[in-house]
Amino acid sequence: MTSKSTSKQAIQGVIWTYLSYYSGKLLVFLSTIVLARLLSQDDFGVAGYALVVINSLNVLNDLGVGQALIYLKKDPKATDTAFWLSILISTTLFVLTWLAAPYAGSFFEDPRAVPVIRALSFNFPLRALGYMHDMLLRKKLSFKRKFVPDLSRSIAKGIFSIALAYLGYGAWSLIYGQLVGAAVASAVYWIMVPWRPKFFFDKGLAKNLLSYGLNIVAVSGLSVFLDNLDSLLIGKYIGAAALGVYTLAFRIPDMLVMQFNSLVSRVIFPFYAKMRDDENSLQRSFLYSTKYLTLITVPMGIGVVAVARPLVMTLFGDKWMEAIPVMQALSIYSVVVSLVHNAGDVYKAQGRPQILTRLTFFEGLILIPIVYYTIVVQGTIVAASWGRVIVAFALTSVSLYIAVRMLKISFADVFKAIAPASFAGIFMWLLVTLAISQLSETAYVLQLIVGILVGGLAYLGGIWILQKDLLLDGIKILRKAVVR
């Protein structure tokens, strides 16, 4: 199989994973609109205490055992060992989180954080029950079959959260919705995947799984901590309401771009791992994938920047107006991060996750003082969000330099890959901004509709002018993915 056909297969996998994930995310987004009108900024902030703590610890849920299972050669006994090892790790993490919850409450200086953190810690063992089934689908590149469990999680979470919010459960509606969604997804994975764990545990296999997995966790753990550092400090120094605004502002760029980056990693890593010994194929696949991924992430992120005001005012209401500048900055941040996001999968596929460790330490050296200054000294969530943008530019530049050196490609090659989406995205932003400014006296919903229509046409037109073949090839890949 050629590198180009492999890349197309990977992109088709991304498309199915995207459809699977975002069908559910659309439901979650719709439920967020309802919840934003039912709940207060404070409710979102109190739930945010638990979410930021659990998200920070979630990377430890299996200590990288799942990714090790994908990387290592097929061995049925390894899957059984991985399952029980994952259950043991997640249960231990649940107990430790439960015991440590009062310390988190002291950190945030808000006793309401303790019970919500303890409740959401049940998420660890609930997700672990279906995690290896998920990994088996990824290892086999069976991305279509993930559609049902992913969608089931989102439907269950959205329905329960909205129902409980109507019944007056406040922040608890968000917590219980998360737990129900995790339980439903794990149950559906057991229905969809025929594999059943045997009562088998091999210490040698467990050591091999952890040996590879811990390298990934060392990177991911520090990275996740840094990703959540601003939320932790906002909750402590500015308060629950500010954390609620910041959390809501991050929802859309996170859903559209950041989570898409994560989905791409899940799909592309197994492909890169398969071609790790073929340098030429890896080079071409990296550039080919980068070209098509930025074709999607750039317009989504820049589009949110352009329509942020009418979007927030239409969907969430006046009480969330403070989220507008934060959402714009975080959308720019998400676009910058996406430009060479899949370089990390190249490092992992070549068995060199230590590069990610060093990059993450570099990020920490820049991020920690910037986040501290913007949040603790300046005390505004807008400054915190722009601090993220500065760090993203620095980290992306260094990551790009390393990727170019490792893959033995040129900066011109990378620029050529990302240029069509970047120039078309800027063109789109200019036209949308102009269109919305002409409608400043009209209803926000009209501004939003016009902005989306103008943005879509402007972006497609820009790509058509700059690189018509890229657009036609992308349509062909999408059609094949859906038909298959």
Protein backbone atom coordinates (compact mmCIF):
# COMPACT_ATOMS: atom_id res chain seq x y z
CA MET A 1 0.00 0.00 0.00
CA THR A 2 1.41 3.43 -0.98
CA SER A 3 1.88 6.23 1.54
CA LYS A 4 -0.74 8.28 -0.28
CA SER A 5 -3.35 5.53 -0.18
CA THR A 6 -2.50 4.87 3.45
CA SER A 7 -2.92 8.58 4.19
CA LYS A 8 -6.28 8.56 2.41
CA GLN A 9 -7.34 5.57 4.49
CA ALA A 10 -6.24 7.43 7.61
CA ILE A 11 -8.20 10.52 6.57
CA GLN A 12 -11.25 8.36 5.90
CA GLY A 13 -10.79 7.00 9.42
CA VAL A 14 -10.63 10.57 10.69
CA ILE A 15 -13.85 11.38 8.83
CA TRP A 16 -15.71 8.46 10.39
CA THR A 17 -14.30 9.21 13.82
CA TYR A 18 -15.27 12.85 13.28
CA LEU A 19 -18.83 11.93 12.26
CA SER A 20 -19.09 9.55 15.20
CA TYR A 21 -17.75 12.02 17.73
CA TYR A 22 -19.45 15.15 16.45
CA SER A 23 -22.85 13.56 15.99
CA GLY A 24 -22.71 13.15 19.74
CA LYS A 25 -21.03 16.49 20.29
CA LEU A 26 -23.82 18.20 18.38
CA LEU A 27 -26.26 16.77 20.90
CA VAL A 28 -23.98 17.86 23.76
CA PHE A 29 -23.74 21.32 22.23
CA LEU A 30 -27.52 21.58 21.96
CA SER A 31 -27.81 20.51 25.58
CA THR A 32 -25.17 23.13 26.52
CA ILE A 33 -27.33 25.83 24.94
CA VAL A 34 -30.28 24.73 27.07
CA LEU A 35 -28.16 24.35 30.20
CA ALA A 36 -26.57 27.79 29.72
CA ARG A 37 -30.03 29.30 29.93
CA LEU A 38 -31.14 27.14 32.86
CA LEU A 39 -28.00 27.36 34.97
CA SER A 40 -25.96 30.29 36.28
CA GLN A 41 -22.30 31.13 35.77
CA ASP A 42 -21.75 29.93 39.32
CA ASP A 43 -23.33 26.52 38.55
CA PHE A 44 -20.99 26.03 35.61
CA GLY A 45 -18.09 27.11 37.81
CA VAL A 46 -18.86 24.67 40.63
CA ALA A 47 -19.14 21.81 38.13
CA GLY A 48 -15.96 23.21 36.58
CA TYR A 49 -14.09 22.54 39.83
CA ALA A 50 -14.75 18.83 39.43
CA LEU A 51 -14.23 18.76 35.67
CA VAL A 52 -10.84 20.46 35.80
CA VAL A 53 -9.60 18.12 38.56
CA ILE A 54 -10.91 14.95 36.90
CA ASN A 55 -9.67 16.03 33.47
CA SER A 56 -6.23 16.69 34.96
CA LEU A 57 -6.14 13.18 36.43
CA ASN A 58 -7.90 11.38 33.57
CA VAL A 59 -4.61 10.89 31.72
CA LEU A 60 -3.60 8.52 34.53
CA ASN A 61 -6.73 6.40 34.06
CA ASP A 62 -4.80 3.56 32.39
CA LEU A 63 -1.18 4.83 32.56
CA GLY A 64 -0.88 4.60 28.76
CA VAL A 65 -1.69 0.88 28.68
CA GLY A 66 -4.24 1.36 25.89
CA GLN A 67 -1.79 3.11 23.56
CA ALA A 68 0.85 0.49 24.39
CA LEU A 69 -1.62 -2.18 23.29
CA ILE A 70 -1.91 -0.43 19.89
CA TYR A 71 1.86 -0.05 19.51
CA LEU A 72 2.95 -3.55 20.55
CA LYS A 73 2.46 -6.62 18.37
CA LYS A 74 -0.84 -8.50 18.57
CA ASP A 75 -1.06 -10.82 21.57
CA PRO A 76 -4.46 -11.98 22.97
CA LYS A 77 -2.91 -12.43 26.41
CA ALA A 78 -1.71 -8.83 26.36
CA THR A 79 -5.29 -7.61 25.88
CA ASP A 80 -6.50 -9.58 28.92
CA THR A 81 -3.62 -8.29 31.01
CA ALA A 82 -4.23 -4.74 29.78
CA PHE A 83 -7.90 -4.89 30.77
CA TRP A 84 -7.30 -5.97 34.36
CA LEU A 85 -4.37 -3.61 34.69
CA SER A 86 -6.61 -0.76 33.53
CA ILE A 87 -9.33 -1.72 36.04
CA LEU A 88 -6.77 -1.82 38.86
CA ILE A 89 -5.30 1.57 37.93
CA SER A 90 -8.68 3.30 37.53
CA THR A 91 -10.00 1.92 40.83
CA THR A 92 -6.89 3.10 42.64
CA LEU A 93 -7.26 6.52 41.04
CA PHE A 94 -10.90 6.68 42.14
CA VAL A 95 -9.99 5.94 45.76
CA LEU A 96 -7.13 8.45 45.81
CA THR A 97 -9.30 11.17 44.26
CA TRP A 98 -12.07 10.53 46.79
CA LEU A 99 -9.60 10.85 49.67
CA ALA A 100 -7.88 13.93 48.21
CA ALA A 101 -11.10 15.85 47.43
CA PRO A 102 -10.99 17.93 50.67
CA TYR A 103 -7.55 19.22 49.67
CA ALA A 104 -8.99 20.34 46.34
CA GLY A 105 -11.74 22.13 48.24
CA SER A 106 -9.11 23.94 50.29
CA PHE A 107 -7.20 24.87 47.14
CA PHE A 108 -10.26 26.45 45.53
CA GLU A 109 -11.33 27.88 48.91
CA ASP A 110 -14.84 26.64 48.18
CA PRO A 111 -16.30 23.64 50.12
CA ARG A 112 -18.77 23.00 47.28
CA ALA A 113 -15.87 21.52 45.28
CA VAL A 114 -15.50 18.49 47.59
CA PRO A 115 -18.75 16.56 46.93
CA VAL A 116 -18.78 17.23 43.17
CA ILE A 117 -15.17 16.02 42.81
CA ARG A 118 -15.93 12.88 44.80
CA ALA A 119 -19.00 12.15 42.73
CA LEU A 120 -17.26 12.67 39.39
CA SER A 121 -14.35 10.42 40.43
CA PHE A 122 -16.68 7.46 39.71
CA ASN A 123 -15.97 8.36 36.09
CA PHE A 124 -12.60 6.57 36.28
CA PRO A 125 -13.82 2.98 36.84
CA LEU A 126 -16.92 3.51 34.68
CA ARG A 127 -14.83 4.47 31.64
CA ALA A 128 -12.24 1.76 32.32
CA LEU A 129 -14.87 -0.95 31.83
CA GLY A 130 -15.11 -0.14 28.12
CA TYR A 131 -11.66 1.32 27.48
CA MET A 132 -9.95 -1.82 26.13
CA HIS A 133 -12.91 -2.48 23.84
CA ASP A 134 -12.36 1.03 22.47
CA MET A 135 -8.62 0.34 22.03
CA LEU A 136 -9.33 -2.90 20.15
CA LEU A 137 -11.46 -1.01 17.64
CA ARG A 138 -8.72 1.56 17.16
CA LYS A 139 -6.03 -1.11 16.76
CA LYS A 140 -8.10 -2.79 14.04
CA LEU A 141 -8.79 0.64 12.48
CA SER A 142 -12.54 -0.08 12.87
CA PHE A 143 -13.54 3.54 13.30
CA LYS A 144 -17.07 3.14 11.93
CA ARG A 145 -18.01 0.83 14.78
CA LYS A 146 -17.18 3.50 17.36
CA PHE A 147 -20.11 5.54 16.13
CA VAL A 148 -22.78 3.88 18.32
CA PRO A 149 -20.99 3.99 21.72
CA ASP A 150 -19.80 7.56 21.16
CA LEU A 151 -23.26 8.71 20.15
CA SER A 152 -24.87 6.80 23.03
CA ARG A 153 -22.62 8.57 25.54
CA SER A 154 -23.60 11.98 24.27
CA ILE A 155 -27.32 11.26 24.08
CA ALA A 156 -27.42 9.89 27.62
CA LYS A 157 -25.33 12.75 29.02
CA GLY A 158 -27.39 15.43 27.29
CA ILE A 159 -30.80 14.02 28.22
CA PHE A 160 -29.97 13.43 31.88
CA SER A 161 -28.22 16.79 32.32
CA ILE A 162 -31.14 18.75 30.86
CA ALA A 163 -33.75 16.76 32.80
CA LEU A 164 -31.95 17.28 36.10
CA ALA A 165 -31.36 20.97 35.37
CA TYR A 166 -35.11 21.41 34.83
CA LEU A 167 -35.68 19.67 38.16
CA GLY A 168 -33.43 22.19 39.89
CA TYR A 169 -30.27 20.14 40.48
CA GLY A 170 -28.01 23.03 39.44
CA ALA A 171 -24.34 22.08 39.10
CA TRP A 172 -25.17 18.46 39.97
CA SER A 173 -27.06 18.09 36.69
CA LEU A 174 -23.72 18.42 34.84
CA ILE A 175 -21.97 15.94 37.15
CA TYR A 176 -24.65 13.24 37.00
CA GLY A 177 -24.92 13.65 33.24
CA GLN A 178 -21.19 12.92 32.87
CA LEU A 179 -21.46 9.73 34.94
CA VAL A 180 -24.52 8.41 33.12
CA GLY A 181 -22.85 9.05 29.76
CA ALA A 182 -19.71 7.13 30.79
CA ALA A 183 -21.74 4.16 32.07
CA VAL A 184 -23.88 3.97 28.93
CA ALA A 185 -20.85 4.16 26.59
CA SER A 186 -19.06 1.32 28.39
CA ALA A 187 -22.20 -0.84 28.25
CA VAL A 188 -22.57 -0.23 24.51
CA TYR A 189 -18.89 -1.07 23.89
CA TRP A 190 -19.51 -4.50 25.49
CA ILE A 191 -22.47 -4.99 23.16
CA MET A 192 -20.63 -3.82 20.03
CA VAL A 193 -17.29 -5.62 20.60
CA PRO A 194 -17.50 -9.42 21.07
CA TRP A 195 -14.18 -9.66 22.95
CA ARG A 196 -14.51 -10.62 26.63
CA PRO A 197 -11.65 -10.45 29.13
CA LYS A 198 -10.38 -13.72 30.56
CA PHE A 199 -9.15 -14.00 34.11
CA PHE A 200 -5.54 -13.84 33.04
CA PHE A 201 -2.78 -11.51 34.19
CA ASP A 202 0.87 -11.78 33.17
CA LYS A 203 3.33 -9.69 35.16
CA GLY A 204 5.85 -9.67 32.31
CA LEU A 205 3.26 -8.40 29.82
CA ALA A 206 2.07 -5.84 32.35
CA LYS A 207 5.64 -4.59 32.72
CA ASN A 208 6.02 -4.23 28.94
CA LEU A 209 2.71 -2.40 28.63
CA LEU A 210 3.58 -0.01 31.45
CA SER A 211 7.12 0.52 30.16
CA TYR A 212 5.82 1.97 26.91
CA GLY A 213 2.68 3.51 28.39
CA LEU A 214 4.41 5.42 31.18
CA ASN A 215 6.49 7.33 28.64
CA ILE A 216 3.27 8.47 26.99
CA VAL A 217 1.70 9.30 30.37
CA ALA A 218 4.74 11.30 31.45
CA VAL A 219 4.15 13.53 28.45
CA SER A 220 0.36 13.49 28.55
CA GLY A 221 0.19 13.98 32.31
CA LEU A 222 2.30 17.13 32.28
CA SER A 223 0.55 18.33 29.12
CA VAL A 224 -2.91 17.86 30.63
CA PHE A 225 -1.82 19.62 33.82
CA LEU A 226 -0.60 22.57 31.76
CA ASP A 227 -3.81 22.54 29.71
CA ASN A 228 -5.85 22.84 32.90
CA LEU A 229 -3.53 25.18 34.80
CA ASP A 230 -5.39 28.31 33.77
CA SER A 231 -8.72 26.83 34.90
CA LEU A 232 -7.23 25.77 38.23
CA LEU A 233 -5.87 29.26 38.91
CA ILE A 234 -9.02 31.02 37.67
CA GLY A 235 -11.11 28.90 40.06
CA LYS A 236 -8.80 29.70 42.96
CA TYR A 237 -8.00 33.39 42.42
CA ILE A 238 -10.93 34.81 40.45
CA GLY A 239 -13.81 32.56 41.54
CA ALA A 240 -16.47 30.10 40.40
CA ALA A 241 -18.39 32.58 38.21
CA ALA A 242 -15.25 33.51 36.22
CA LEU A 243 -14.41 29.82 35.86
CA GLY A 244 -17.94 29.24 34.58
CA VAL A 245 -17.51 31.92 31.89
CA TYR A 246 -14.08 30.61 30.91
CA THR A 247 -15.39 27.04 30.75
CA LEU A 248 -18.31 27.99 28.51
CA ALA A 249 -16.09 30.18 26.29
CA PHE A 250 -13.75 27.24 25.73
CA ARG A 251 -16.60 24.84 24.86
CA ILE A 252 -16.93 25.79 21.18
CA PRO A 253 -13.23 26.08 20.15
CA ASP A 254 -12.53 22.96 22.19
CA MET A 255 -15.37 21.02 20.56
CA LEU A 256 -14.64 22.13 17.00
CA VAL A 257 -10.83 22.23 16.91
CA MET A 258 -9.08 20.88 20.02
CA GLN A 259 -11.17 17.72 20.23
CA PHE A 260 -10.81 17.27 16.50
CA ASN A 261 -7.04 17.35 16.99
CA SER A 262 -7.42 14.66 19.63
CA LEU A 263 -9.57 12.54 17.34
CA VAL A 264 -7.02 12.85 14.57
CA SER A 265 -4.32 11.56 16.94
CA ARG A 266 -6.41 8.52 17.81
CA VAL A 267 -6.80 7.64 14.13
CA ILE A 268 -3.41 8.62 12.70
CA PHE A 269 -1.20 7.13 15.44
CA PRO A 270 -1.99 3.49 14.47
CA PHE A 271 -1.24 4.30 10.81
CA TYR A 272 2.02 6.05 11.64
CA ALA A 273 2.97 3.13 13.89
CA LYS A 274 2.50 0.72 10.97
CA MET A 275 4.84 2.71 8.70
CA ARG A 276 7.43 3.64 11.33
CA ASP A 277 10.21 1.83 9.44
CA ASP A 278 9.46 3.50 6.09
CA GLU A 279 10.92 7.01 6.27
CA ASN A 280 9.70 8.17 2.86
CA SER A 281 6.14 7.02 3.47
CA LEU A 282 6.12 8.73 6.86
CA GLN A 283 7.33 12.00 5.33
CA ARG A 284 4.67 12.03 2.62
CA SER A 285 1.91 10.90 4.97
CA PHE A 286 2.73 13.64 7.47
CA LEU A 287 2.55 16.37 4.83
CA TYR A 288 -0.52 14.90 3.16
CA SER A 289 -2.39 14.57 6.46
CA THR A 290 -1.35 18.05 7.61
CA LYS A 291 -2.69 19.54 4.39
CA TYR A 292 -6.15 18.01 4.83
CA LEU A 293 -6.41 18.46 8.58
CA THR A 294 -5.69 22.19 8.40
CA LEU A 295 -8.27 22.34 5.63
CA ILE A 296 -10.80 21.56 8.38
CA THR A 297 -9.38 23.08 11.58
CA VAL A 298 -8.40 26.52 10.22
CA PRO A 299 -11.87 27.57 8.97
CA MET A 300 -13.56 26.26 12.11
CA GLY A 301 -11.29 28.21 14.44
CA ILE A 302 -11.13 31.43 12.42
CA GLY A 303 -14.86 31.20 11.74
CA VAL A 304 -15.60 31.22 15.49
CA VAL A 305 -13.43 34.33 15.88
CA ALA A 306 -15.49 36.10 13.21
CA VAL A 307 -18.97 35.18 14.51
CA ALA A 308 -18.24 34.99 18.26
CA ARG A 309 -20.48 37.92 19.27
CA PRO A 310 -23.68 36.92 17.42
CA LEU A 311 -23.02 33.28 18.30
CA VAL A 312 -22.80 33.87 22.06
CA MET A 313 -25.67 36.35 22.15
CA THR A 314 -27.95 34.12 20.08
CA LEU A 315 -27.24 30.78 21.69
CA PHE A 316 -26.40 31.57 25.31
CA GLY A 317 -27.90 34.98 26.04
CA ASP A 318 -26.82 38.32 27.49
CA LYS A 319 -25.52 36.90 30.79
CA TRP A 320 -22.65 35.23 28.91
CA MET A 321 -21.44 38.38 27.09
CA GLU A 322 -18.13 38.24 29.00
CA ALA A 323 -17.33 35.00 27.18
CA ILE A 324 -17.05 36.69 23.73
CA PRO A 325 -13.42 38.02 23.83
CA VAL A 326 -12.30 34.89 25.67
CA MET A 327 -13.84 32.65 23.01
CA GLN A 328 -12.14 34.62 20.24
CA ALA A 329 -8.69 34.34 21.83
CA LEU A 330 -9.09 30.64 22.59
CA SER A 331 -10.23 30.00 19.02
CA ILE A 332 -7.00 31.56 17.70
CA TYR A 333 -5.08 29.44 20.21
CA SER A 334 -6.79 26.27 18.95
CA VAL A 335 -5.94 27.06 15.32
CA VAL A 336 -2.25 27.67 16.09
CA VAL A 337 -2.01 24.41 18.05
CA SER A 338 -3.64 22.46 15.21
CA LEU A 339 -1.09 23.46 12.56
CA VAL A 340 1.46 20.77 13.43
CA HIS A 341 -0.51 18.80 16.01
CA ASN A 342 0.05 15.45 14.31
CA ALA A 343 3.85 15.82 14.64
CA GLY A 344 3.49 14.35 18.14
CA ASP A 345 2.08 11.15 16.66
CA VAL A 346 5.18 10.84 14.47
CA TYR A 347 7.40 11.01 17.57
CA LYS A 348 5.35 8.36 19.35
CA ALA A 349 5.15 6.09 16.30
CA GLN A 350 8.93 6.12 15.98
CA GLY A 351 9.28 5.13 19.63
CA ARG A 352 10.62 8.53 20.68
CA PRO A 353 8.00 9.94 23.06
CA GLN A 354 10.82 11.62 25.01
CA ILE A 355 10.71 14.39 22.41
CA LEU A 356 7.18 15.17 23.53
CA THR A 357 8.39 15.18 27.13
CA ARG A 358 11.00 17.81 26.33
CA LEU A 359 8.52 19.88 24.36
CA THR A 360 6.08 19.74 27.24
CA PHE A 361 8.72 20.90 29.71
CA PHE A 362 9.53 23.75 27.33
CA GLU A 363 5.83 24.63 27.26
CA GLY A 364 5.73 24.64 31.04
CA LEU A 365 8.70 27.00 31.29
CA ILE A 366 6.82 29.54 29.18
CA LEU A 367 3.25 28.88 30.27
CA ILE A 368 3.54 28.88 34.05
CA PRO A 369 4.86 32.46 34.44
CA ILE A 370 2.48 33.78 31.77
CA VAL A 371 -0.57 32.13 33.31
CA TYR A 372 0.45 33.27 36.80
CA TYR A 373 0.90 36.86 35.64
CA THR A 374 -2.34 37.08 33.62
CA ILE A 375 -4.52 35.43 36.27
CA VAL A 376 -2.97 36.20 39.66
CA VAL A 377 -1.51 39.64 38.87
CA GLN A 378 -3.85 41.03 36.18
CA GLY A 379 -6.82 39.02 37.39
CA THR A 380 -8.74 38.74 34.10
CA ILE A 381 -9.80 35.73 32.06
CA VAL A 382 -9.33 37.69 28.82
CA ALA A 383 -5.63 38.18 29.60
CA ALA A 384 -5.36 34.49 30.49
CA SER A 385 -6.78 33.44 27.14
CA TRP A 386 -4.35 35.67 25.21
CA GLY A 387 -1.52 34.26 27.28
CA ARG A 388 -2.48 30.88 25.84
CA VAL A 389 -2.11 32.27 22.31
CA ILE A 390 1.44 33.52 23.00
CA VAL A 391 2.48 30.12 24.36
CA ALA A 392 0.88 28.32 21.41
CA PHE A 393 2.92 30.33 18.89
CA ALA A 394 6.18 29.56 20.72
CA LEU A 395 5.45 25.85 21.15
CA THR A 396 4.25 25.36 17.58
CA SER A 397 7.38 27.02 16.21
CA VAL A 398 9.69 24.71 18.17
CA SER A 399 7.61 21.61 17.39
CA LEU A 400 7.66 22.47 13.70
CA TYR A 401 11.45 22.83 13.77
CA ILE A 402 11.86 19.40 15.38
CA ALA A 403 9.42 17.74 12.97
CA VAL A 404 11.25 19.18 9.99
CA ARG A 405 14.58 17.90 11.30
CA MET A 406 13.28 14.45 12.22
CA LEU A 407 11.35 13.81 9.00
CA LYS A 408 14.08 15.40 6.85
CA ILE A 409 11.66 17.71 5.09
CA SER A 410 11.85 21.47 4.54
CA PHE A 411 9.94 24.37 6.06
CA ALA A 412 8.78 25.11 2.52
CA ASP A 413 7.12 21.67 2.39
CA VAL A 414 5.19 22.38 5.59
CA PHE A 415 4.27 25.89 4.48
CA LYS A 416 2.98 24.51 1.20
CA ALA A 417 0.81 22.05 3.14
CA ILE A 418 -0.82 24.64 5.41
CA ALA A 419 -0.86 27.66 3.06
CA PRO A 420 -4.16 26.97 1.19
CA ALA A 421 -6.22 26.68 4.38
CA SER A 422 -4.44 29.62 6.05
CA PHE A 423 -4.88 32.12 3.21
CA ALA A 424 -8.46 31.02 2.53
CA GLY A 425 -9.21 31.31 6.26
CA ILE A 426 -7.92 34.89 6.43
CA PHE A 427 -9.96 35.77 3.34
CA MET A 428 -13.03 34.24 4.99
CA TRP A 429 -12.47 36.22 8.20
CA LEU A 430 -12.24 39.52 6.32
CA LEU A 431 -15.49 38.94 4.40
CA VAL A 432 -17.43 37.69 7.45
CA THR A 433 -16.25 40.63 9.60
CA LEU A 434 -17.31 43.04 6.87
CA ALA A 435 -20.69 41.36 6.42
CA ILE A 436 -21.50 41.38 10.15
CA SER A 437 -20.42 45.03 10.51
CA GLN A 438 -22.98 45.97 7.86
CA LEU A 439 -25.68 44.21 9.92
CA SER A 440 -24.75 45.71 13.30
CA GLU A 441 -28.25 47.12 13.83
CA THR A 442 -30.05 43.86 13.02
CA ALA A 443 -30.89 40.86 15.22
CA TYR A 444 -27.96 38.73 16.37
CA VAL A 445 -29.52 35.59 14.91
CA LEU A 446 -29.53 37.20 11.45
CA GLN A 447 -25.89 38.24 11.87
CA LEU A 448 -25.01 34.67 12.82
CA ILE A 449 -26.80 33.11 9.85
CA VAL A 450 -25.32 35.57 7.36
CA GLY A 451 -21.86 35.19 8.91
CA ILE A 452 -21.96 31.39 8.57
CA LEU A 453 -23.22 31.50 4.98
CA VAL A 454 -20.73 34.15 3.87
CA GLY A 455 -17.92 32.38 5.71
CA GLY A 456 -18.64 29.00 4.13
CA LEU A 457 -18.86 30.42 0.60
CA ALA A 458 -15.78 32.63 1.07
CA TYR A 459 -13.66 29.76 2.37
CA LEU A 460 -14.69 27.29 -0.34
CA GLY A 461 -14.16 30.02 -2.94
CA GLY A 462 -10.72 30.78 -1.55
CA ILE A 463 -9.67 27.12 -1.65
CA TRP A 464 -11.09 26.80 -5.17
CA ILE A 465 -8.97 29.73 -6.34
CA LEU A 466 -5.80 28.73 -4.47
CA GLN A 467 -5.85 24.96 -4.96
CA LYS A 468 -8.83 23.55 -6.80
CA ASP A 469 -7.37 20.02 -6.92
CA LEU A 470 -7.11 19.93 -3.11
CA LEU A 471 -10.82 20.65 -2.73
CA LEU A 472 -11.87 18.13 -5.37
CA ASP A 473 -9.63 15.43 -3.88
CA GLY A 474 -11.04 16.17 -0.42
CA ILE A 475 -14.60 15.75 -1.70
CA LYS A 476 -13.61 12.45 -3.32
CA ILE A 477 -12.10 11.16 -0.05
CA LEU A 478 -15.21 12.21 1.89
CA ARG A 479 -17.51 10.48 -0.59
CA LYS A 480 -15.50 7.24 -0.46
CA ALA A 481 -15.42 7.32 3.33
CA VAL A 482 -19.20 7.68 3.57
CA VAL A 483 -19.91 5.03 0.92
CA ARG A 484 -17.59 2.50 2.56
